[in-house]
């Protein structure tokens, strides 16, 4: 097959993908509330002559929305740059991404590494997966704005909406058949379900030192969901509470307080394969066990 034919087929494939994307975007905007309108003004790239145009905007709630059917390397890079550009020009607006489906979904949560990267991008405030979740957000973008529209979970009114939010999320997840998401939320709300008792400690990780055993027990019970309130990393905790914090989170695992927290079923948040110093603990839990949580303490 010569190069001209290859180019011809590639061009057809690109047109099909573009049409599917436009169909999805049009359908979402057609079903959304009247607060959402198409963006009609391009913004200039920070470093080049390129212009950017998000798919929709909600001026009432100050949210730009970018929609796509799925995300791979090229699309991921474009969305990240676009989010940075919009934040540069409109720092008071949120930037939200809506994705129809994951490209290569994991069995554990139905997402993929590209979605992980978008969620880890500071200039992207929320990543929505699936038509139902996108439309639910667009219908009531203010409902959960304080607690999850920004992945950093800031907002003074978050706690008073927690019960309603939890019930709504459970019901919505169940209606979508999202068993993994529902189960993770239940685990987060019932910390004793993952509690590692002293009896269990004796039978698991037998050959490890006490410090290493506690580290692995915490790793085994980590919750991989957004914490429900303010948090701090173990690295930050150690820096504020030990005079020589060079050993990082290992100082925490060596402490009696870590043992008490494990016995009491305190939950930490994070990924099992990331650095222990990046694991997060709720600030309220750290305060309860008399840790300093700020330089003024």
C-alpha atoms as a PDB file:
ATOM      1  CA  UNK A   1       0.000   0.000   0.000  1.00  0.00           C
ATOM      2  CA  UNK A   2       1.539   3.331  -1.003  1.00  0.00           C
ATOM      3  CA  UNK A   3       1.779   6.446   1.153  1.00  0.00           C
ATOM      4  CA  UNK A   4      -1.073   8.216  -0.653  1.00  0.00           C
ATOM      5  CA  UNK A   5      -3.505   5.423   0.195  1.00  0.00           C
ATOM      6  CA  UNK A   6      -2.340   5.369   3.834  1.00  0.00           C
ATOM      7  CA  UNK A   7      -2.846   9.118   4.083  1.00  0.00           C
ATOM      8  CA  UNK A   8      -6.303   8.764   2.527  1.00  0.00           C
ATOM      9  CA  UNK A   9      -7.400   6.131   5.061  1.00  0.00           C
ATOM     10  CA  UNK A  10      -5.924   8.103   7.968  1.00  0.00           C
ATOM     11  CA  UNK A  11      -7.852  11.163   6.827  1.00  0.00           C
ATOM     12  CA  UNK A  12     -11.111   9.183   6.737  1.00  0.00           C
ATOM     13  CA  UNK A  13     -10.476   7.798  10.209  1.00  0.00           C
ATOM     14  CA  UNK A  14      -9.822  11.271  11.587  1.00  0.00           C
ATOM     15  CA  UNK A  15     -13.071  12.538  10.071  1.00  0.00           C
ATOM     16  CA  UNK A  16     -15.011   9.668  11.675  1.00  0.00           C
ATOM     17  CA  UNK A  17     -13.463  10.355  15.085  1.00  0.00           C
ATOM     18  CA  UNK A  18     -14.176  14.078  14.761  1.00  0.00           C
ATOM     19  CA  UNK A  19     -17.798  13.428  13.804  1.00  0.00           C
ATOM     20  CA  UNK A  20     -18.309  11.077  16.770  1.00  0.00           C
ATOM     21  CA  UNK A  21     -16.828  13.690  19.065  1.00  0.00           C
ATOM     22  CA  UNK A  22     -19.040  16.434  17.675  1.00  0.00           C
ATOM     23  CA  UNK A  23     -22.105  14.199  17.972  1.00  0.00           C
ATOM     24  CA  UNK A  24     -21.331  13.535  21.645  1.00  0.00           C
ATOM     25  CA  UNK A  25     -20.726  17.189  22.438  1.00  0.00           C
ATOM     26  CA  UNK A  26     -23.910  18.263  20.623  1.00  0.00           C
ATOM     27  CA  UNK A  27     -25.970  15.634  22.447  1.00  0.00           C
ATOM     28  CA  UNK A  28     -24.642  16.704  25.858  1.00  0.00           C
ATOM     29  CA  UNK A  29     -25.291  20.386  25.215  1.00  0.00           C
ATOM     30  CA  UNK A  30     -28.749  19.589  23.838  1.00  0.00           C
ATOM     31  CA  UNK A  31     -29.699  17.733  27.032  1.00  0.00           C
ATOM     32  CA  UNK A  32     -28.109  20.158  29.500  1.00  0.00           C
ATOM     33  CA  UNK A  33     -29.761  23.055  31.296  1.00  0.00           C
ATOM     34  CA  UNK A  34     -30.118  26.455  29.693  1.00  0.00           C
ATOM     35  CA  UNK A  35     -27.320  27.846  31.872  1.00  0.00           C
ATOM     36  CA  UNK A  36     -24.799  26.145  29.603  1.00  0.00           C
ATOM     37  CA  UNK A  37     -24.004  27.770  26.244  1.00  0.00           C
ATOM     38  CA  UNK A  38     -21.411  27.205  23.550  1.00  0.00           C
ATOM     39  CA  UNK A  39     -18.240  29.242  23.909  1.00  0.00           C
ATOM     40  CA  UNK A  40     -18.014  31.702  21.020  1.00  0.00           C
ATOM     41  CA  UNK A  41     -14.783  33.521  21.840  1.00  0.00           C
ATOM     42  CA  UNK A  42     -11.332  32.027  21.321  1.00  0.00           C
ATOM     43  CA  UNK A  43      -8.519  32.675  23.806  1.00  0.00           C
ATOM     44  CA  UNK A  44      -4.842  32.956  22.901  1.00  0.00           C
ATOM     45  CA  UNK A  45      -2.299  30.352  23.922  1.00  0.00           C
ATOM     46  CA  UNK A  46       0.191  31.507  26.551  1.00  0.00           C
ATOM     47  CA  UNK A  47       3.302  30.687  24.507  1.00  0.00           C
ATOM     48  CA  UNK A  48       2.283  30.258  20.862  1.00  0.00           C
ATOM     49  CA  UNK A  49      -0.037  31.742  18.246  1.00  0.00           C
ATOM     50  CA  UNK A  50      -2.568  28.918  18.755  1.00  0.00           C
ATOM     51  CA  UNK A  51      -6.123  29.755  19.863  1.00  0.00           C
ATOM     52  CA  UNK A  52      -8.281  27.685  22.215  1.00  0.00           C
ATOM     53  CA  UNK A  53     -12.039  27.238  22.383  1.00  0.00           C
ATOM     54  CA  UNK A  54     -13.757  25.236  25.136  1.00  0.00           C
ATOM     55  CA  UNK A  55     -17.013  23.449  24.329  1.00  0.00           C
ATOM     56  CA  UNK A  56     -19.322  25.121  26.832  1.00  0.00           C
ATOM     57  CA  UNK A  57     -19.463  27.707  29.575  1.00  0.00           C
ATOM     58  CA  UNK A  58     -21.762  28.375  32.523  1.00  0.00           C
ATOM     59  CA  UNK A  59     -21.470  32.071  33.277  1.00  0.00           C
ATOM     60  CA  UNK A  60     -23.665  31.868  36.386  1.00  0.00           C
ATOM     61  CA  UNK A  61     -21.355  29.405  38.115  1.00  0.00           C
ATOM     62  CA  UNK A  62     -18.165  30.444  36.313  1.00  0.00           C
ATOM     63  CA  UNK A  63     -17.297  27.065  34.798  1.00  0.00           C
ATOM     64  CA  UNK A  64     -15.695  26.197  31.476  1.00  0.00           C
ATOM     65  CA  UNK A  65     -16.396  22.676  30.222  1.00  0.00           C
ATOM     66  CA  UNK A  66     -14.369  20.637  27.743  1.00  0.00           C
ATOM     67  CA  UNK A  67     -16.096  17.513  26.359  1.00  0.00           C
ATOM     68  CA  UNK A  68     -14.522  14.533  24.629  1.00  0.00           C
ATOM     69  CA  UNK A  69     -15.437  10.928  23.840  1.00  0.00           C
ATOM     70  CA  UNK A  70     -12.192   9.495  25.238  1.00  0.00           C
ATOM     71  CA  UNK A  71      -8.632  10.536  26.082  1.00  0.00           C
ATOM     72  CA  UNK A  72      -5.272   9.242  24.861  1.00  0.00           C
ATOM     73  CA  UNK A  73      -1.783  10.774  24.726  1.00  0.00           C
ATOM     74  CA  UNK A  74      -2.424  13.586  22.257  1.00  0.00           C
ATOM     75  CA  UNK A  75      -5.838  14.535  23.633  1.00  0.00           C
ATOM     76  CA  UNK A  76      -4.535  14.394  27.205  1.00  0.00           C
ATOM     77  CA  UNK A  77      -1.736  16.856  26.393  1.00  0.00           C
ATOM     78  CA  UNK A  78      -4.110  19.207  24.568  1.00  0.00           C
ATOM     79  CA  UNK A  79      -6.622  19.274  27.425  1.00  0.00           C
ATOM     80  CA  UNK A  80      -3.909  19.944  30.010  1.00  0.00           C
ATOM     81  CA  UNK A  81      -2.516  22.862  27.983  1.00  0.00           C
ATOM     82  CA  UNK A  82      -6.045  24.155  27.352  1.00  0.00           C
ATOM     83  CA  UNK A  83      -6.847  24.084  31.086  1.00  0.00           C
ATOM     84  CA  UNK A  84      -3.675  26.038  31.896  1.00  0.00           C
ATOM     85  CA  UNK A  85      -4.523  28.574  29.207  1.00  0.00           C
ATOM     86  CA  UNK A  86      -8.079  29.104  30.483  1.00  0.00           C
ATOM     87  CA  UNK A  87      -6.858  29.421  34.072  1.00  0.00           C
ATOM     88  CA  UNK A  88      -4.346  32.019  32.904  1.00  0.00           C
ATOM     89  CA  UNK A  89      -6.998  34.137  31.176  1.00  0.00           C
ATOM     90  CA  UNK A  90      -9.872  33.397  33.586  1.00  0.00           C
ATOM     91  CA  UNK A  91      -8.394  32.603  37.033  1.00  0.00           C
ATOM     92  CA  UNK A  92     -11.791  33.027  38.725  1.00  0.00           C
ATOM     93  CA  UNK A  93     -13.399  30.277  36.588  1.00  0.00           C
ATOM     94  CA  UNK A  94     -13.337  26.515  37.126  1.00  0.00           C
ATOM     95  CA  UNK A  95     -12.195  24.223  34.313  1.00  0.00           C
ATOM     96  CA  UNK A  96     -14.036  20.892  34.110  1.00  0.00           C
ATOM     97  CA  UNK A  97     -13.517  17.967  31.717  1.00  0.00           C
ATOM     98  CA  UNK A  98     -16.304  15.583  30.672  1.00  0.00           C
ATOM     99  CA  UNK A  99     -15.299  12.241  29.132  1.00  0.00           C
ATOM    100  CA  UNK A 100     -17.731   9.787  27.566  1.00  0.00           C
ATOM    101  CA  UNK A 101     -15.677   6.686  28.409  1.00  0.00           C
ATOM    102  CA  UNK A 102     -12.192   5.559  29.385  1.00  0.00           C
ATOM    103  CA  UNK A 103      -9.924   4.414  26.542  1.00  0.00           C
ATOM    104  CA  UNK A 104      -8.588   1.377  28.387  1.00  0.00           C
ATOM    105  CA  UNK A 105     -10.671   1.023  31.568  1.00  0.00           C
ATOM    106  CA  UNK A 106      -9.256  -0.738  34.598  1.00  0.00           C
ATOM    107  CA  UNK A 107     -11.317  -3.469  36.206  1.00  0.00           C
ATOM    108  CA  UNK A 108     -10.920  -1.840  39.610  1.00  0.00           C
ATOM    109  CA  UNK A 109     -12.566   1.526  38.905  1.00  0.00           C
ATOM    110  CA  UNK A 110     -13.381   1.737  35.188  1.00  0.00           C
ATOM    111  CA  UNK A 111     -10.876   4.560  34.626  1.00  0.00           C
ATOM    112  CA  UNK A 112      -7.401   4.639  33.058  1.00  0.00           C
ATOM    113  CA  UNK A 113      -4.000   6.322  33.347  1.00  0.00           C
ATOM    114  CA  UNK A 114      -4.997   9.198  31.047  1.00  0.00           C
ATOM    115  CA  UNK A 115      -7.894  10.075  33.360  1.00  0.00           C
ATOM    116  CA  UNK A 116      -5.517   9.782  36.334  1.00  0.00           C
ATOM    117  CA  UNK A 117      -3.209  12.340  34.727  1.00  0.00           C
ATOM    118  CA  UNK A 118      -6.080  14.775  34.145  1.00  0.00           C
ATOM    119  CA  UNK A 119      -7.195  14.422  37.763  1.00  0.00           C
ATOM    120  CA  UNK A 120      -3.640  15.128  38.907  1.00  0.00           C
ATOM    121  CA  UNK A 121      -3.483  18.372  36.898  1.00  0.00           C
ATOM    122  CA  UNK A 122      -3.878  21.400  39.230  1.00  0.00           C
ATOM    123  CA  UNK A 123      -5.600  23.522  36.578  1.00  0.00           C
ATOM    124  CA  UNK A 124      -8.359  20.928  36.045  1.00  0.00           C
ATOM    125  CA  UNK A 125     -10.933  21.237  38.826  1.00  0.00           C
ATOM    126  CA  UNK A 126     -13.042  18.174  38.091  1.00  0.00           C
ATOM    127  CA  UNK A 127     -13.080  15.197  35.713  1.00  0.00           C
ATOM    128  CA  UNK A 128     -16.483  13.679  34.926  1.00  0.00           C
ATOM    129  CA  UNK A 129     -16.804  10.192  33.420  1.00  0.00           C
ATOM    130  CA  UNK A 130     -19.876   9.040  31.501  1.00  0.00           C
ATOM    131  CA  UNK A 131     -22.923  10.762  30.046  1.00  0.00           C
ATOM    132  CA  UNK A 132     -24.986  10.419  33.233  1.00  0.00           C
ATOM    133  CA  UNK A 133     -22.337  11.927  35.475  1.00  0.00           C
ATOM    134  CA  UNK A 134     -21.706  14.810  33.085  1.00  0.00           C
ATOM    135  CA  UNK A 135     -25.412  15.667  32.752  1.00  0.00           C
ATOM    136  CA  UNK A 136     -25.943  15.354  36.503  1.00  0.00           C
ATOM    137  CA  UNK A 137     -23.152  17.850  37.092  1.00  0.00           C
ATOM    138  CA  UNK A 138     -24.418  20.209  34.400  1.00  0.00           C
ATOM    139  CA  UNK A 139     -27.942  20.062  35.795  1.00  0.00           C
ATOM    140  CA  UNK A 140     -26.826  21.103  39.285  1.00  0.00           C
ATOM    141  CA  UNK A 141     -23.214  22.303  39.165  1.00  0.00           C
ATOM    142  CA  UNK A 142     -23.656  24.116  42.482  1.00  0.00           C
ATOM    143  CA  UNK A 143     -24.845  21.010  44.394  1.00  0.00           C
ATOM    144  CA  UNK A 144     -21.422  19.567  45.102  1.00  0.00           C
ATOM    145  CA  UNK A 145     -19.340  22.544  44.130  1.00  0.00           C
ATOM    146  CA  UNK A 146     -17.764  23.132  47.540  1.00  0.00           C
ATOM    147  CA  UNK A 147     -16.703  19.552  48.139  1.00  0.00           C
ATOM    148  CA  UNK A 148     -15.664  18.079  44.797  1.00  0.00           C
ATOM    149  CA  UNK A 149     -15.634  20.582  41.977  1.00  0.00           C
ATOM    150  CA  UNK A 150     -12.127  21.312  43.184  1.00  0.00           C
ATOM    151  CA  UNK A 151     -10.170  18.152  43.895  1.00  0.00           C
ATOM    152  CA  UNK A 152      -8.465  19.898  46.810  1.00  0.00           C
ATOM    153  CA  UNK A 153     -11.746  19.799  48.758  1.00  0.00           C
ATOM    154  CA  UNK A 154     -11.893  23.382  49.953  1.00  0.00           C
ATOM    155  CA  UNK A 155     -15.085  25.090  51.080  1.00  0.00           C
ATOM    156  CA  UNK A 156     -16.676  26.224  54.325  1.00  0.00           C
ATOM    157  CA  UNK A 157     -20.085  24.697  53.605  1.00  0.00           C
ATOM    158  CA  UNK A 158     -18.859  21.211  52.755  1.00  0.00           C
ATOM    159  CA  UNK A 159     -19.791  19.396  55.973  1.00  0.00           C
ATOM    160  CA  UNK A 160     -23.401  20.542  56.143  1.00  0.00           C
ATOM    161  CA  UNK A 161     -24.037  19.005  52.713  1.00  0.00           C
ATOM    162  CA  UNK A 162     -22.200  15.731  53.401  1.00  0.00           C
ATOM    163  CA  UNK A 163     -25.186  13.531  54.328  1.00  0.00           C
ATOM    164  CA  UNK A 164     -27.241  14.617  51.328  1.00  0.00           C
ATOM    165  CA  UNK A 165     -24.224  14.312  49.066  1.00  0.00           C
ATOM    166  CA  UNK A 166     -23.387  10.796  50.278  1.00  0.00           C
ATOM    167  CA  UNK A 167     -26.931   9.500  49.795  1.00  0.00           C
ATOM    168  CA  UNK A 168     -27.229  11.089  46.367  1.00  0.00           C
ATOM    169  CA  UNK A 169     -23.865   9.654  45.307  1.00  0.00           C
ATOM    170  CA  UNK A 170     -24.738   6.157  46.545  1.00  0.00           C
ATOM    171  CA  UNK A 171     -28.081   6.131  44.744  1.00  0.00           C
ATOM    172  CA  UNK A 172     -26.606   7.573  41.580  1.00  0.00           C
ATOM    173  CA  UNK A 173     -23.731   5.082  41.588  1.00  0.00           C
ATOM    174  CA  UNK A 174     -26.137   2.195  42.133  1.00  0.00           C
ATOM    175  CA  UNK A 175     -28.328   3.321  39.229  1.00  0.00           C
ATOM    176  CA  UNK A 176     -25.263   3.288  36.956  1.00  0.00           C
ATOM    177  CA  UNK A 177     -24.140  -0.104  38.179  1.00  0.00           C
ATOM    178  CA  UNK A 178     -20.924   1.440  39.515  1.00  0.00           C
ATOM    179  CA  UNK A 179     -20.308  -1.134  42.234  1.00  0.00           C
ATOM    180  CA  UNK A 180     -16.651  -0.187  42.692  1.00  0.00           C
ATOM    181  CA  UNK A 181     -17.438   3.459  43.327  1.00  0.00           C
ATOM    182  CA  UNK A 182     -20.243   2.605  45.745  1.00  0.00           C
ATOM    183  CA  UNK A 183     -18.083   0.137  47.655  1.00  0.00           C
ATOM    184  CA  UNK A 184     -15.210   2.622  47.955  1.00  0.00           C
ATOM    185  CA  UNK A 185     -17.572   5.252  49.340  1.00  0.00           C
ATOM    186  CA  UNK A 186     -19.011   2.790  51.855  1.00  0.00           C
ATOM    187  CA  UNK A 187     -15.493   1.881  52.985  1.00  0.00           C
ATOM    188  CA  UNK A 188     -14.689   5.558  53.437  1.00  0.00           C
ATOM    189  CA  UNK A 189     -17.750   6.058  55.625  1.00  0.00           C
ATOM    190  CA  UNK A 190     -17.204   2.901  57.645  1.00  0.00           C
ATOM    191  CA  UNK A 191     -13.545   2.960  58.671  1.00  0.00           C
ATOM    192  CA  UNK A 192     -13.951  -0.025  60.992  1.00  0.00           C
ATOM    193  CA  UNK A 193     -14.585  -2.214  57.938  1.00  0.00           C
ATOM    194  CA  UNK A 194     -10.876  -1.892  57.099  1.00  0.00           C
ATOM    195  CA  UNK A 195      -9.699  -1.730  60.666  1.00  0.00           C
ATOM    196  CA  UNK A 196      -6.589  -3.764  61.399  1.00  0.00           C
ATOM    197  CA  UNK A 197      -6.804  -5.044  64.976  1.00  0.00           C
ATOM    198  CA  UNK A 198      -3.830  -6.088  67.138  1.00  0.00           C
ATOM    199  CA  UNK A 199      -4.869  -9.732  66.615  1.00  0.00           C
ATOM    200  CA  UNK A 200      -4.737  -9.349  62.844  1.00  0.00           C
ATOM    201  CA  UNK A 201      -1.359  -7.644  63.169  1.00  0.00           C
ATOM    202  CA  UNK A 202       0.128 -10.720  64.807  1.00  0.00           C
ATOM    203  CA  UNK A 203      -0.955 -12.984  61.997  1.00  0.00           C
ATOM    204  CA  UNK A 204      -0.034 -10.726  59.068  1.00  0.00           C
ATOM    205  CA  UNK A 205       3.373  -9.400  58.029  1.00  0.00           C
ATOM    206  CA  UNK A 206       4.950 -11.609  60.716  1.00  0.00           C
ATOM    207  CA  UNK A 207       8.513 -11.440  59.433  1.00  0.00           C
ATOM    208  CA  UNK A 208       8.688  -7.641  59.211  1.00  0.00           C
ATOM    209  CA  UNK A 209      10.016  -5.229  61.824  1.00  0.00           C
ATOM    210  CA  UNK A 210       7.406  -3.331  63.820  1.00  0.00           C
ATOM    211  CA  UNK A 211       7.981  -0.172  61.769  1.00  0.00           C
ATOM    212  CA  UNK A 212       7.760  -1.976  58.425  1.00  0.00           C
ATOM    213  CA  UNK A 213       4.735  -3.962  59.596  1.00  0.00           C
ATOM    214  CA  UNK A 214       2.809  -0.816  60.453  1.00  0.00           C
ATOM    215  CA  UNK A 215       3.753   0.731  57.119  1.00  0.00           C
ATOM    216  CA  UNK A 216       2.465  -2.292  55.195  1.00  0.00           C
ATOM    217  CA  UNK A 217      -0.710  -2.500  57.272  1.00  0.00           C
ATOM    218  CA  UNK A 218      -1.496   1.118  56.453  1.00  0.00           C
ATOM    219  CA  UNK A 219      -0.620   0.539  52.793  1.00  0.00           C
ATOM    220  CA  UNK A 220      -2.985  -2.444  52.734  1.00  0.00           C
ATOM    221  CA  UNK A 221      -5.908  -0.356  54.038  1.00  0.00           C
ATOM    222  CA  UNK A 222      -5.386   2.852  52.025  1.00  0.00           C
ATOM    223  CA  UNK A 223      -8.527   4.434  50.585  1.00  0.00           C
ATOM    224  CA  UNK A 224      -8.111   5.500  46.967  1.00  0.00           C
ATOM    225  CA  UNK A 225     -10.862   8.125  47.002  1.00  0.00           C
ATOM    226  CA  UNK A 226     -10.915  11.880  47.515  1.00  0.00           C
ATOM    227  CA  UNK A 227     -10.750  12.618  51.270  1.00  0.00           C
ATOM    228  CA  UNK A 228     -13.993  14.113  52.644  1.00  0.00           C
ATOM    229  CA  UNK A 229     -12.269  16.981  54.444  1.00  0.00           C
ATOM    230  CA  UNK A 230      -8.973  18.851  54.835  1.00  0.00           C
ATOM    231  CA  UNK A 231      -5.864  16.654  54.781  1.00  0.00           C
ATOM    232  CA  UNK A 232      -2.097  16.805  55.112  1.00  0.00           C
ATOM    233  CA  UNK A 233       0.581  14.420  53.839  1.00  0.00           C
ATOM    234  CA  UNK A 234       2.660  12.225  56.132  1.00  0.00           C
ATOM    235  CA  UNK A 235       5.705  14.122  54.901  1.00  0.00           C
ATOM    236  CA  UNK A 236       4.190  17.397  56.123  1.00  0.00           C
ATOM    237  CA  UNK A 237       3.175  15.769  59.404  1.00  0.00           C
ATOM    238  CA  UNK A 238       6.707  14.521  60.070  1.00  0.00           C
ATOM    239  CA  UNK A 239       8.296  17.902  59.277  1.00  0.00           C
ATOM    240  CA  UNK A 240       6.049  19.597  61.841  1.00  0.00           C
ATOM    241  CA  UNK A 241       6.477  17.036  64.614  1.00  0.00           C
ATOM    242  CA  UNK A 242      10.067  15.739  64.459  1.00  0.00           C
ATOM    243  CA  UNK A 243      13.280  17.714  64.893  1.00  0.00           C
ATOM    244  CA  UNK A 244      15.215  15.714  62.288  1.00  0.00           C
ATOM    245  CA  UNK A 245      12.677  14.646  59.618  1.00  0.00           C
ATOM    246  CA  UNK A 246      15.223  13.271  57.130  1.00  0.00           C
ATOM    247  CA  UNK A 247      13.757   9.775  57.354  1.00  0.00           C
ATOM    248  CA  UNK A 248      10.414  11.053  56.124  1.00  0.00           C
ATOM    249  CA  UNK A 249       7.324   8.986  56.849  1.00  0.00           C
ATOM    250  CA  UNK A 250       9.429   6.238  58.513  1.00  0.00           C
ATOM    251  CA  UNK A 251       9.525   8.344  61.680  1.00  0.00           C
ATOM    252  CA  UNK A 252       5.745   8.281  61.762  1.00  0.00           C
ATOM    253  CA  UNK A 253       5.609   4.489  61.344  1.00  0.00           C
ATOM    254  CA  UNK A 254       8.057   4.114  64.254  1.00  0.00           C
ATOM    255  CA  UNK A 255       5.847   6.102  66.620  1.00  0.00           C
ATOM    256  CA  UNK A 256       3.425   4.830  69.253  1.00  0.00           C
ATOM    257  CA  UNK A 257       0.809   7.194  67.865  1.00  0.00           C
ATOM    258  CA  UNK A 258       0.881   5.318  64.545  1.00  0.00           C
ATOM    259  CA  UNK A 259       0.136   2.121  66.463  1.00  0.00           C
ATOM    260  CA  UNK A 260      -2.775   3.797  68.264  1.00  0.00           C
ATOM    261  CA  UNK A 261      -4.187   5.121  65.018  1.00  0.00           C
ATOM    262  CA  UNK A 262      -4.041   1.686  63.368  1.00  0.00           C
ATOM    263  CA  UNK A 263      -5.727   0.102  66.398  1.00  0.00           C
ATOM    264  CA  UNK A 264      -8.457   2.757  66.274  1.00  0.00           C
ATOM    265  CA  UNK A 265      -9.116   2.201  62.570  1.00  0.00           C
ATOM    266  CA  UNK A 266      -7.956   5.617  61.355  1.00  0.00           C
ATOM    267  CA  UNK A 267      -7.967   5.703  57.555  1.00  0.00           C
ATOM    268  CA  UNK A 268      -5.285   7.203  55.342  1.00  0.00           C
ATOM    269  CA  UNK A 269      -5.716   8.124  51.703  1.00  0.00           C
ATOM    270  CA  UNK A 270      -3.463   7.535  48.721  1.00  0.00           C
ATOM    271  CA  UNK A 271      -2.104   5.082  46.185  1.00  0.00           C
ATOM    272  CA  UNK A 272      -0.321   1.955  47.340  1.00  0.00           C
ATOM    273  CA  UNK A 273       2.554   2.369  44.875  1.00  0.00           C
ATOM    274  CA  UNK A 274       3.324   6.026  45.623  1.00  0.00           C
ATOM    275  CA  UNK A 275       5.815   7.331  48.203  1.00  0.00           C
ATOM    276  CA  UNK A 276       4.597   6.863  51.764  1.00  0.00           C
ATOM    277  CA  UNK A 277       5.341  10.514  52.500  1.00  0.00           C
ATOM    278  CA  UNK A 278       2.626  11.420  49.955  1.00  0.00           C
ATOM    279  CA  UNK A 279      -0.080   9.442  51.747  1.00  0.00           C
ATOM    280  CA  UNK A 280      -2.686  11.751  53.254  1.00  0.00           C
ATOM    281  CA  UNK A 281      -4.215  11.877  56.710  1.00  0.00           C
ATOM    282  CA  UNK A 282      -7.216  13.957  57.720  1.00  0.00           C
ATOM    283  CA  UNK A 283      -6.094  17.019  59.648  1.00  0.00           C
ATOM    284  CA  UNK A 284      -8.802  16.352  62.246  1.00  0.00           C
ATOM    285  CA  UNK A 285      -7.343  12.873  62.893  1.00  0.00           C
ATOM    286  CA  UNK A 286      -3.824  14.271  63.258  1.00  0.00           C
ATOM    287  CA  UNK A 287      -5.107  16.849  65.742  1.00  0.00           C
ATOM    288  CA  UNK A 288      -7.019  14.191  67.686  1.00  0.00           C
ATOM    289  CA  UNK A 289      -3.771  12.290  68.278  1.00  0.00           C
ATOM    290  CA  UNK A 290      -2.075  15.503  69.384  1.00  0.00           C
ATOM    291  CA  UNK A 291       0.102  16.025  66.337  1.00  0.00           C
ATOM    292  CA  UNK A 292       0.994  19.552  65.323  1.00  0.00           C
ATOM    293  CA  UNK A 293      -0.815  20.429  62.095  1.00  0.00           C
ATOM    294  CA  UNK A 294       0.608  23.902  61.466  1.00  0.00           C
ATOM    295  CA  UNK A 295       3.788  25.783  62.213  1.00  0.00           C
ATOM    296  CA  UNK A 296       1.869  27.912  64.734  1.00  0.00           C
ATOM    297  CA  UNK A 297       0.836  24.950  66.908  1.00  0.00           C
END
